[in-house]
Amino acid sequence: MGFFSKDIKTLDDLFIHMLRDIYYAEKKIERSLPKMIGLATDPQLKAGFEKHLEQTKGHIDRVEQVFELHGVKAKAVSCPAIDGILEEADEVSADIDDREVLDAALIASAQAVEHYEMTRYGTLIAWAKQLGRSDCANVLAKNLKEEQATDRKLSEMAENRINLLAA
């Protein structure tokens, strides 16, 4: 089987497939964040991860809402991209002993996750609009806005403190 399932024939099919992809990703992130919280040593970083865990639960709820609005059963499909990003995060963090360097690595890993989510949500919003589903686009836009805000906060932490300590 290729990149996408054989049953994807229309933009609507592709939209549903990608929605299932981000659903899987959000659930996987929800399961991974507690480990990142446990590894983080900087109090601000730890608090940021804790906040994002709560936001992620809301993202899952919103994706489920989009499934419902679209009249499709909420179901996840495997997402090798997020699996790879999270696997790499685990491997890198396992190899680091210095706590400041570990915090810098955790931010880098978290931003890789955020960037993946932002690309998916941006695409889903564009497709929802093309399909005449502004209701779905509006719900997904809330998730995108939160992902972008989290990415900005991570950059600020890295640039203003964490990377300096790691250096």
N, C-alpha and C. Protein backbone atom coordinates (compact mmCIF):
# COMPACT_ATOMS: atom_id res chain seq x y z
N MET A 1 0.84 -1.18 0.00
CA MET A 1 0.00 0.00 0.00
C MET A 1 0.89 1.24 0.00
N GLY A 2 0.47 2.25 -0.70
CA GLY A 2 1.25 3.48 -0.81
C GLY A 2 1.09 4.39 0.38
N PHE A 3 1.42 5.65 0.14
CA PHE A 3 1.39 6.67 1.19
C PHE A 3 0.01 6.78 1.80
N PHE A 4 -1.02 6.73 0.99
CA PHE A 4 -2.40 6.84 1.47
C PHE A 4 -3.15 5.55 1.15
N SER A 5 -4.24 5.36 1.83
CA SER A 5 -5.06 4.18 1.60
C SER A 5 -5.65 4.20 0.19
N LYS A 6 -5.93 3.02 -0.32
CA LYS A 6 -6.52 2.90 -1.65
C LYS A 6 -7.94 3.47 -1.69
N ASP A 7 -8.60 3.55 -0.53
CA ASP A 7 -9.98 4.02 -0.50
C ASP A 7 -10.10 5.54 -0.54
N ILE A 8 -9.00 6.25 -0.69
CA ILE A 8 -9.05 7.71 -0.79
C ILE A 8 -9.19 8.08 -2.27
N LYS A 9 -10.36 8.57 -2.60
CA LYS A 9 -10.65 8.92 -3.99
C LYS A 9 -11.02 10.39 -4.14
N THR A 10 -11.48 11.02 -3.07
CA THR A 10 -11.94 12.40 -3.14
C THR A 10 -11.24 13.24 -2.08
N LEU A 11 -11.39 14.55 -2.20
CA LEU A 11 -10.83 15.44 -1.18
C LEU A 11 -11.50 15.17 0.17
N ASP A 12 -12.78 14.84 0.14
CA ASP A 12 -13.47 14.50 1.39
C ASP A 12 -12.86 13.27 2.03
N ASP A 13 -12.56 12.25 1.25
CA ASP A 13 -11.89 11.05 1.77
C ASP A 13 -10.53 11.41 2.37
N LEU A 14 -9.81 12.26 1.67
CA LEU A 14 -8.49 12.68 2.14
C LEU A 14 -8.61 13.48 3.44
N PHE A 15 -9.61 14.34 3.52
CA PHE A 15 -9.87 15.12 4.73
C PHE A 15 -10.12 14.19 5.92
N ILE A 16 -10.95 13.20 5.73
CA ILE A 16 -11.26 12.25 6.81
C ILE A 16 -10.01 11.47 7.20
N HIS A 17 -9.25 11.03 6.22
CA HIS A 17 -8.01 10.29 6.52
C HIS A 17 -7.06 11.15 7.35
N MET A 18 -6.88 12.40 6.94
CA MET A 18 -5.96 13.29 7.66
C MET A 18 -6.50 13.63 9.05
N LEU A 19 -7.81 13.72 9.17
CA LEU A 19 -8.42 13.95 10.48
C LEU A 19 -8.14 12.76 11.40
N ARG A 20 -8.20 11.57 10.85
CA ARG A 20 -7.89 10.37 11.63
C ARG A 20 -6.41 10.33 12.01
N ASP A 21 -5.57 10.82 11.12
CA ASP A 21 -4.14 10.92 11.37
C ASP A 21 -3.86 11.85 12.56
N ILE A 22 -4.44 13.04 12.56
CA ILE A 22 -4.17 14.00 13.64
C ILE A 22 -4.82 13.51 14.93
N TYR A 23 -5.90 12.77 14.83
CA TYR A 23 -6.54 12.19 16.01
C TYR A 23 -5.58 11.21 16.69
N TYR A 24 -4.97 10.35 15.88
CA TYR A 24 -3.97 9.41 16.39
C TYR A 24 -2.82 10.19 17.03
N ALA A 25 -2.34 11.22 16.30
CA ALA A 25 -1.20 11.99 16.78
C ALA A 25 -1.50 12.65 18.13
N GLU A 26 -2.66 13.28 18.24
CA GLU A 26 -3.01 13.95 19.49
C GLU A 26 -3.10 12.95 20.65
N LYS A 27 -3.68 11.79 20.39
CA LYS A 27 -3.78 10.78 21.46
C LYS A 27 -2.39 10.27 21.86
N LYS A 28 -1.52 10.11 20.88
CA LYS A 28 -0.15 9.66 21.16
C LYS A 28 0.61 10.74 21.95
N ILE A 29 0.42 11.98 21.58
CA ILE A 29 1.05 13.09 22.29
C ILE A 29 0.54 13.16 23.73
N GLU A 30 -0.74 12.94 23.90
CA GLU A 30 -1.33 12.94 25.25
C GLU A 30 -0.65 11.88 26.13
N ARG A 31 -0.33 10.75 25.55
CA ARG A 31 0.33 9.68 26.31
C ARG A 31 1.82 9.96 26.52
N SER A 32 2.43 10.76 25.64
CA SER A 32 3.86 11.04 25.72
C SER A 32 4.21 12.23 26.62
N LEU A 33 3.31 13.19 26.74
CA LEU A 33 3.62 14.39 27.51
C LEU A 33 3.96 14.13 28.98
N PRO A 34 3.30 13.19 29.66
CA PRO A 34 3.69 12.96 31.06
C PRO A 34 5.17 12.58 31.22
N LYS A 35 5.72 11.84 30.27
CA LYS A 35 7.14 11.49 30.33
C LYS A 35 8.00 12.74 30.18
N MET A 36 7.61 13.62 29.25
CA MET A 36 8.35 14.86 29.04
C MET A 36 8.27 15.75 30.28
N ILE A 37 7.11 15.78 30.91
CA ILE A 37 6.93 16.54 32.15
C ILE A 37 7.89 16.00 33.21
N GLY A 38 7.97 14.69 33.30
CA GLY A 38 8.85 14.05 34.28
C GLY A 38 10.33 14.30 34.03
N LEU A 39 10.70 14.42 32.76
CA LEU A 39 12.11 14.64 32.41
C LEU A 39 12.53 16.10 32.53
N ALA A 40 11.61 17.02 32.31
CA ALA A 40 11.94 18.45 32.33
C ALA A 40 12.41 18.86 33.73
N THR A 41 13.51 19.63 33.78
CA THR A 41 14.00 20.09 35.08
C THR A 41 13.73 21.57 35.30
N ASP A 42 13.59 22.34 34.23
CA ASP A 42 13.27 23.76 34.36
C ASP A 42 11.80 23.90 34.77
N PRO A 43 11.52 24.61 35.85
CA PRO A 43 10.13 24.73 36.33
C PRO A 43 9.18 25.35 35.30
N GLN A 44 9.65 26.34 34.55
CA GLN A 44 8.80 26.97 33.54
C GLN A 44 8.50 26.00 32.39
N LEU A 45 9.49 25.22 32.01
CA LEU A 45 9.30 24.23 30.95
C LEU A 45 8.33 23.15 31.41
N LYS A 46 8.54 22.67 32.62
CA LYS A 46 7.65 21.65 33.18
C LYS A 46 6.21 22.16 33.20
N ALA A 47 6.01 23.40 33.65
CA ALA A 47 4.67 23.99 33.71
C ALA A 47 4.08 24.15 32.31
N GLY A 48 4.94 24.51 31.35
CA GLY A 48 4.47 24.63 29.97
C GLY A 48 4.00 23.30 29.41
N PHE A 49 4.74 22.24 29.70
CA PHE A 49 4.32 20.90 29.26
C PHE A 49 3.02 20.48 29.94
N GLU A 50 2.89 20.80 31.22
CA GLU A 50 1.65 20.47 31.94
C GLU A 50 0.46 21.19 31.33
N LYS A 51 0.65 22.47 31.00
CA LYS A 51 -0.43 23.24 30.36
C LYS A 51 -0.76 22.63 29.01
N HIS A 52 0.26 22.24 28.26
CA HIS A 52 0.00 21.70 26.93
C HIS A 52 -0.69 20.33 27.01
N LEU A 53 -0.44 19.59 28.06
CA LEU A 53 -1.16 18.32 28.24
C LEU A 53 -2.65 18.59 28.36
N GLU A 54 -3.02 19.60 29.13
CA GLU A 54 -4.44 19.96 29.26
C GLU A 54 -5.00 20.44 27.92
N GLN A 55 -4.22 21.24 27.20
CA GLN A 55 -4.66 21.70 25.88
C GLN A 55 -4.84 20.53 24.92
N THR A 56 -3.94 19.57 25.01
CA THR A 56 -4.02 18.40 24.12
C THR A 56 -5.32 17.64 24.34
N LYS A 57 -5.73 17.53 25.58
CA LYS A 57 -7.03 16.88 25.86
C LYS A 57 -8.16 17.65 25.17
N GLY A 58 -8.06 18.97 25.19
CA GLY A 58 -9.04 19.79 24.48
C GLY A 58 -8.96 19.62 22.97
N HIS A 59 -7.73 19.45 22.45
CA HIS A 59 -7.56 19.23 21.01
C HIS A 59 -8.25 17.94 20.59
N ILE A 60 -8.10 16.91 21.41
CA ILE A 60 -8.75 15.63 21.12
C ILE A 60 -10.27 15.82 21.09
N ASP A 61 -10.79 16.54 22.07
CA ASP A 61 -12.24 16.80 22.11
C ASP A 61 -12.70 17.54 20.86
N ARG A 62 -11.91 18.53 20.43
CA ARG A 62 -12.30 19.29 19.23
C ARG A 62 -12.24 18.43 17.97
N VAL A 63 -11.21 17.59 17.86
CA VAL A 63 -11.14 16.71 16.69
C VAL A 63 -12.35 15.77 16.69
N GLU A 64 -12.72 15.27 17.85
CA GLU A 64 -13.92 14.43 17.94
C GLU A 64 -15.17 15.21 17.53
N GLN A 65 -15.21 16.48 17.88
CA GLN A 65 -16.32 17.35 17.48
C GLN A 65 -16.37 17.49 15.96
N VAL A 66 -15.21 17.61 15.33
CA VAL A 66 -15.17 17.72 13.87
C VAL A 66 -15.65 16.43 13.23
N PHE A 67 -15.25 15.29 13.76
CA PHE A 67 -15.77 14.02 13.25
C PHE A 67 -17.30 14.04 13.30
N GLU A 68 -17.84 14.46 14.44
CA GLU A 68 -19.29 14.48 14.62
C GLU A 68 -19.94 15.46 13.64
N LEU A 69 -19.39 16.66 13.52
CA LEU A 69 -19.94 17.64 12.58
C LEU A 69 -19.94 17.10 11.16
N HIS A 70 -18.92 16.35 10.83
CA HIS A 70 -18.75 15.82 9.48
C HIS A 70 -19.54 14.52 9.26
N GLY A 71 -20.14 14.01 10.33
CA GLY A 71 -20.95 12.80 10.22
C GLY A 71 -20.15 11.53 10.05
N VAL A 72 -18.96 11.51 10.65
CA VAL A 72 -18.06 10.36 10.53
C VAL A 72 -17.66 9.90 11.92
N LYS A 73 -17.52 8.59 12.07
CA LYS A 73 -17.11 8.02 13.34
C LYS A 73 -15.67 8.43 13.67
N ALA A 74 -15.45 8.85 14.90
CA ALA A 74 -14.09 9.19 15.35
C ALA A 74 -13.26 7.92 15.40
N LYS A 75 -12.20 7.91 14.62
CA LYS A 75 -11.34 6.73 14.53
C LYS A 75 -9.95 7.21 14.16
N ALA A 76 -8.95 6.60 14.74
CA ALA A 76 -7.56 6.96 14.45
C ALA A 76 -6.99 6.02 13.40
N VAL A 77 -6.06 6.56 12.60
CA VAL A 77 -5.23 5.74 11.72
C VAL A 77 -3.79 5.97 12.14
N SER A 78 -3.01 4.96 12.03
CA SER A 78 -1.60 5.04 12.42
C SER A 78 -0.92 6.21 11.72
N CYS A 79 -0.07 6.89 12.48
CA CYS A 79 0.65 8.04 11.96
C CYS A 79 2.15 7.81 12.17
N PRO A 80 2.82 7.23 11.18
CA PRO A 80 4.25 6.96 11.32
C PRO A 80 5.08 8.22 11.57
N ALA A 81 4.62 9.37 11.08
CA ALA A 81 5.38 10.61 11.27
C ALA A 81 5.48 10.97 12.74
N ILE A 82 4.37 10.99 13.44
CA ILE A 82 4.41 11.36 14.87
C ILE A 82 5.11 10.27 15.66
N ASP A 83 4.91 9.02 15.27
CA ASP A 83 5.63 7.93 15.94
C ASP A 83 7.14 8.15 15.84
N GLY A 84 7.61 8.53 14.66
CA GLY A 84 9.04 8.76 14.46
C GLY A 84 9.55 9.95 15.25
N ILE A 85 8.79 11.03 15.26
CA ILE A 85 9.20 12.22 16.01
C ILE A 85 9.31 11.90 17.49
N LEU A 86 8.33 11.19 18.02
CA LEU A 86 8.34 10.85 19.45
C LEU A 86 9.41 9.81 19.79
N GLU A 87 9.64 8.87 18.88
CA GLU A 87 10.70 7.88 19.09
C GLU A 87 12.07 8.56 19.13
N GLU A 88 12.29 9.50 18.21
CA GLU A 88 13.54 10.23 18.20
C GLU A 88 13.71 11.03 19.50
N ALA A 89 12.63 11.64 19.98
CA ALA A 89 12.68 12.40 21.23
C ALA A 89 13.11 11.50 22.39
N ASP A 90 12.55 10.30 22.43
CA ASP A 90 12.92 9.34 23.49
C ASP A 90 14.39 8.96 23.39
N GLU A 91 14.85 8.68 22.18
CA GLU A 91 16.25 8.27 21.99
C GLU A 91 17.22 9.37 22.39
N VAL A 92 16.94 10.59 21.96
CA VAL A 92 17.84 11.70 22.26
C VAL A 92 17.85 11.98 23.77
N SER A 93 16.67 12.04 24.37
CA SER A 93 16.63 12.36 25.80
C SER A 93 17.29 11.27 26.65
N ALA A 94 17.26 10.04 26.18
CA ALA A 94 17.88 8.95 26.93
C ALA A 94 19.41 9.05 26.93
N ASP A 95 19.96 9.75 25.96
CA ASP A 95 21.41 9.86 25.81
C ASP A 95 22.01 11.07 26.51
N ILE A 96 21.20 11.89 27.18
CA ILE A 96 21.69 13.15 27.74
C ILE A 96 21.68 13.10 29.27
N ASP A 97 22.83 13.38 29.85
CA ASP A 97 22.95 13.39 31.30
C ASP A 97 22.82 14.79 31.89
N ASP A 98 23.28 15.80 31.17
CA ASP A 98 23.27 17.18 31.67
C ASP A 98 21.83 17.72 31.64
N ARG A 99 21.33 18.18 32.78
CA ARG A 99 19.93 18.60 32.88
C ARG A 99 19.59 19.81 32.02
N GLU A 100 20.52 20.76 31.89
CA GLU A 100 20.24 21.93 31.05
C GLU A 100 20.19 21.54 29.57
N VAL A 101 21.09 20.66 29.18
CA VAL A 101 21.10 20.18 27.79
C VAL A 101 19.83 19.35 27.53
N LEU A 102 19.42 18.57 28.52
CA LEU A 102 18.20 17.78 28.39
C LEU A 102 16.99 18.69 28.17
N ASP A 103 16.90 19.79 28.93
CA ASP A 103 15.78 20.71 28.74
C ASP A 103 15.79 21.30 27.34
N ALA A 104 16.98 21.65 26.83
CA ALA A 104 17.08 22.17 25.46
C ALA A 104 16.62 21.11 24.45
N ALA A 105 17.01 19.87 24.67
CA ALA A 105 16.59 18.79 23.78
C ALA A 105 15.08 18.56 23.85
N LEU A 106 14.52 18.66 25.04
CA LEU A 106 13.07 18.49 25.19
C LEU A 106 12.31 19.57 24.43
N ILE A 107 12.81 20.80 24.49
CA ILE A 107 12.17 21.87 23.74
C ILE A 107 12.25 21.58 22.24
N ALA A 108 13.40 21.17 21.77
CA ALA A 108 13.55 20.87 20.34
C ALA A 108 12.59 19.76 19.92
N SER A 109 12.47 18.74 20.74
CA SER A 109 11.55 17.64 20.43
C SER A 109 10.10 18.11 20.45
N ALA A 110 9.77 18.92 21.45
CA ALA A 110 8.40 19.43 21.54
C ALA A 110 8.07 20.31 20.34
N GLN A 111 9.04 21.09 19.89
CA GLN A 111 8.77 21.94 18.73
C GLN A 111 8.62 21.11 17.45
N ALA A 112 9.33 20.02 17.34
CA ALA A 112 9.14 19.14 16.19
C ALA A 112 7.70 18.62 16.17
N VAL A 113 7.19 18.26 17.34
CA VAL A 113 5.80 17.81 17.46
C VAL A 113 4.86 18.94 17.08
N GLU A 114 5.09 20.13 17.63
CA GLU A 114 4.22 21.28 17.35
C GLU A 114 4.19 21.59 15.86
N HIS A 115 5.34 21.56 15.22
CA HIS A 115 5.39 21.88 13.80
C HIS A 115 4.63 20.85 12.98
N TYR A 116 4.72 19.59 13.35
CA TYR A 116 3.94 18.57 12.67
C TYR A 116 2.44 18.87 12.81
N GLU A 117 2.03 19.15 14.05
CA GLU A 117 0.61 19.43 14.28
C GLU A 117 0.15 20.67 13.51
N MET A 118 0.99 21.70 13.48
CA MET A 118 0.60 22.92 12.77
C MET A 118 0.41 22.66 11.29
N THR A 119 1.28 21.84 10.69
CA THR A 119 1.10 21.55 9.27
C THR A 119 -0.18 20.78 9.02
N ARG A 120 -0.47 19.82 9.88
CA ARG A 120 -1.69 19.04 9.71
C ARG A 120 -2.94 19.90 9.89
N TYR A 121 -2.96 20.71 10.95
CA TYR A 121 -4.14 21.54 11.17
C TYR A 121 -4.31 22.57 10.05
N GLY A 122 -3.22 23.16 9.59
CA GLY A 122 -3.31 24.12 8.49
C GLY A 122 -3.92 23.49 7.24
N THR A 123 -3.46 22.30 6.92
CA THR A 123 -3.98 21.58 5.76
C THR A 123 -5.44 21.22 5.95
N LEU A 124 -5.79 20.70 7.12
CA LEU A 124 -7.18 20.33 7.38
C LEU A 124 -8.12 21.52 7.30
N ILE A 125 -7.67 22.66 7.79
CA ILE A 125 -8.49 23.88 7.72
C ILE A 125 -8.72 24.27 6.26
N ALA A 126 -7.66 24.25 5.46
CA ALA A 126 -7.79 24.60 4.04
C ALA A 126 -8.74 23.65 3.33
N TRP A 127 -8.60 22.36 3.59
CA TRP A 127 -9.48 21.38 2.95
C TRP A 127 -10.92 21.53 3.43
N ALA A 128 -11.12 21.77 4.71
CA ALA A 128 -12.48 21.95 5.23
C ALA A 128 -13.15 23.13 4.54
N LYS A 129 -12.42 24.21 4.38
CA LYS A 129 -12.98 25.39 3.69
C LYS A 129 -13.31 25.04 2.24
N GLN A 130 -12.42 24.32 1.57
CA GLN A 130 -12.65 23.93 0.18
C GLN A 130 -13.89 23.04 0.06
N LEU A 131 -14.12 22.25 1.08
CA LEU A 131 -15.27 21.34 1.08
C LEU A 131 -16.55 22.04 1.55
N GLY A 132 -16.45 23.34 1.82
CA GLY A 132 -17.63 24.08 2.29
C GLY A 132 -17.96 23.82 3.74
N ARG A 133 -16.98 23.36 4.50
CA ARG A 133 -17.20 23.02 5.91
C ARG A 133 -16.50 24.04 6.81
N SER A 134 -16.98 25.28 6.76
CA SER A 134 -16.40 26.31 7.61
C SER A 134 -16.62 25.99 9.09
N ASP A 135 -17.68 25.23 9.39
CA ASP A 135 -17.91 24.83 10.78
C ASP A 135 -16.74 23.97 11.28
N CYS A 136 -16.31 23.03 10.48
CA CYS A 136 -15.16 22.19 10.84
C CYS A 136 -13.88 23.02 10.87
N ALA A 137 -13.70 23.89 9.88
CA ALA A 137 -12.50 24.73 9.82
C ALA A 137 -12.38 25.60 11.06
N ASN A 138 -13.49 26.14 11.52
CA ASN A 138 -13.46 27.01 12.70
C ASN A 138 -13.05 26.26 13.96
N VAL A 139 -13.50 25.03 14.10
CA VAL A 139 -13.12 24.22 15.26
C VAL A 139 -11.63 23.88 15.18
N LEU A 140 -11.18 23.46 14.02
CA LEU A 140 -9.78 23.10 13.84
C LEU A 140 -8.86 24.31 14.02
N ALA A 141 -9.34 25.49 13.65
CA ALA A 141 -8.54 26.71 13.79
C ALA A 141 -8.22 27.00 15.25
N LYS A 142 -9.08 26.60 16.15
CA LYS A 142 -8.79 26.79 17.59
C LYS A 142 -7.59 25.95 18.00
N ASN A 143 -7.52 24.72 17.50
CA ASN A 143 -6.36 23.87 17.80
C ASN A 143 -5.10 24.47 17.20
N LEU A 144 -5.18 24.92 15.95
CA LEU A 144 -4.01 25.51 15.30
C LEU A 144 -3.50 26.71 16.08
N LYS A 145 -4.39 27.56 16.51
CA LYS A 145 -4.00 28.76 17.26
C LYS A 145 -3.26 28.37 18.55
N GLU A 146 -3.75 27.37 19.25
CA GLU A 146 -3.08 26.92 20.48
C GLU A 146 -1.73 26.29 20.19
N GLU A 147 -1.62 25.53 19.11
CA GLU A 147 -0.34 24.92 18.74
C GLU A 147 0.68 26.01 18.42
N GLN A 148 0.25 27.02 17.69
CA GLN A 148 1.15 28.12 17.34
C GLN A 148 1.61 28.88 18.59
N ALA A 149 0.70 29.10 19.52
CA ALA A 149 1.05 29.80 20.77
C ALA A 149 2.04 28.98 21.58
N THR A 150 1.84 27.67 21.63
CA THR A 150 2.77 26.80 22.35
C THR A 150 4.14 26.85 21.71
N ASP A 151 4.20 26.82 20.40
CA ASP A 151 5.48 26.88 19.69
C ASP A 151 6.20 28.19 20.00
N ARG A 152 5.47 29.30 20.00
CA ARG A 152 6.08 30.60 20.32
C ARG A 152 6.64 30.61 21.75
N LYS A 153 5.88 30.06 22.69
CA LYS A 153 6.33 30.02 24.09
C LYS A 153 7.58 29.16 24.24
N LEU A 154 7.62 28.05 23.54
CA LEU A 154 8.80 27.19 23.58
C LEU A 154 10.01 27.92 23.01
N SER A 155 9.83 28.63 21.91
CA SER A 155 10.93 29.42 21.33
C SER A 155 11.43 30.47 22.31
N GLU A 156 10.51 31.17 22.94
CA GLU A 156 10.90 32.19 23.91
C GLU A 156 11.69 31.59 25.06
N MET A 157 11.22 30.47 25.60
CA MET A 157 11.95 29.81 26.69
C MET A 157 13.35 29.40 26.24
N ALA A 158 13.42 28.81 25.06
CA ALA A 158 14.71 28.35 24.54
C ALA A 158 15.66 29.52 24.33
N GLU A 159 15.19 30.54 23.66
CA GLU A 159 16.07 31.65 23.29
C GLU A 159 16.43 32.54 24.48
N ASN A 160 15.54 32.68 25.43
CA ASN A 160 15.78 33.60 26.55
C ASN A 160 16.47 32.96 27.77
N ARG A 161 16.44 31.62 27.85
CA ARG A 161 17.01 31.01 29.04
C ARG A 161 17.58 29.61 28.85
N ILE A 162 16.79 28.70 28.36
CA ILE A 162 17.17 27.28 28.33
C ILE A 162 18.44 27.05 27.51
N ASN A 163 18.50 27.59 26.30
CA ASN A 163 19.67 27.37 25.45
C ASN A 163 20.91 28.02 26.06
N LEU A 164 20.74 29.17 26.71
CA LEU A 164 21.86 29.84 27.37
C LEU A 164 22.43 28.96 28.48
N LEU A 165 21.56 28.36 29.26
CA LEU A 165 22.01 27.48 30.34
C LEU A 165 22.69 26.23 29.77
N ALA A 166 22.14 25.72 28.67
CA ALA A 166 22.70 24.52 28.05
C ALA A 166 24.09 24.77 27.47
N ALA A 167 24.31 26.00 27.01
CA ALA A 167 25.60 26.33 26.39
C ALA A 167 26.68 26.42 27.47
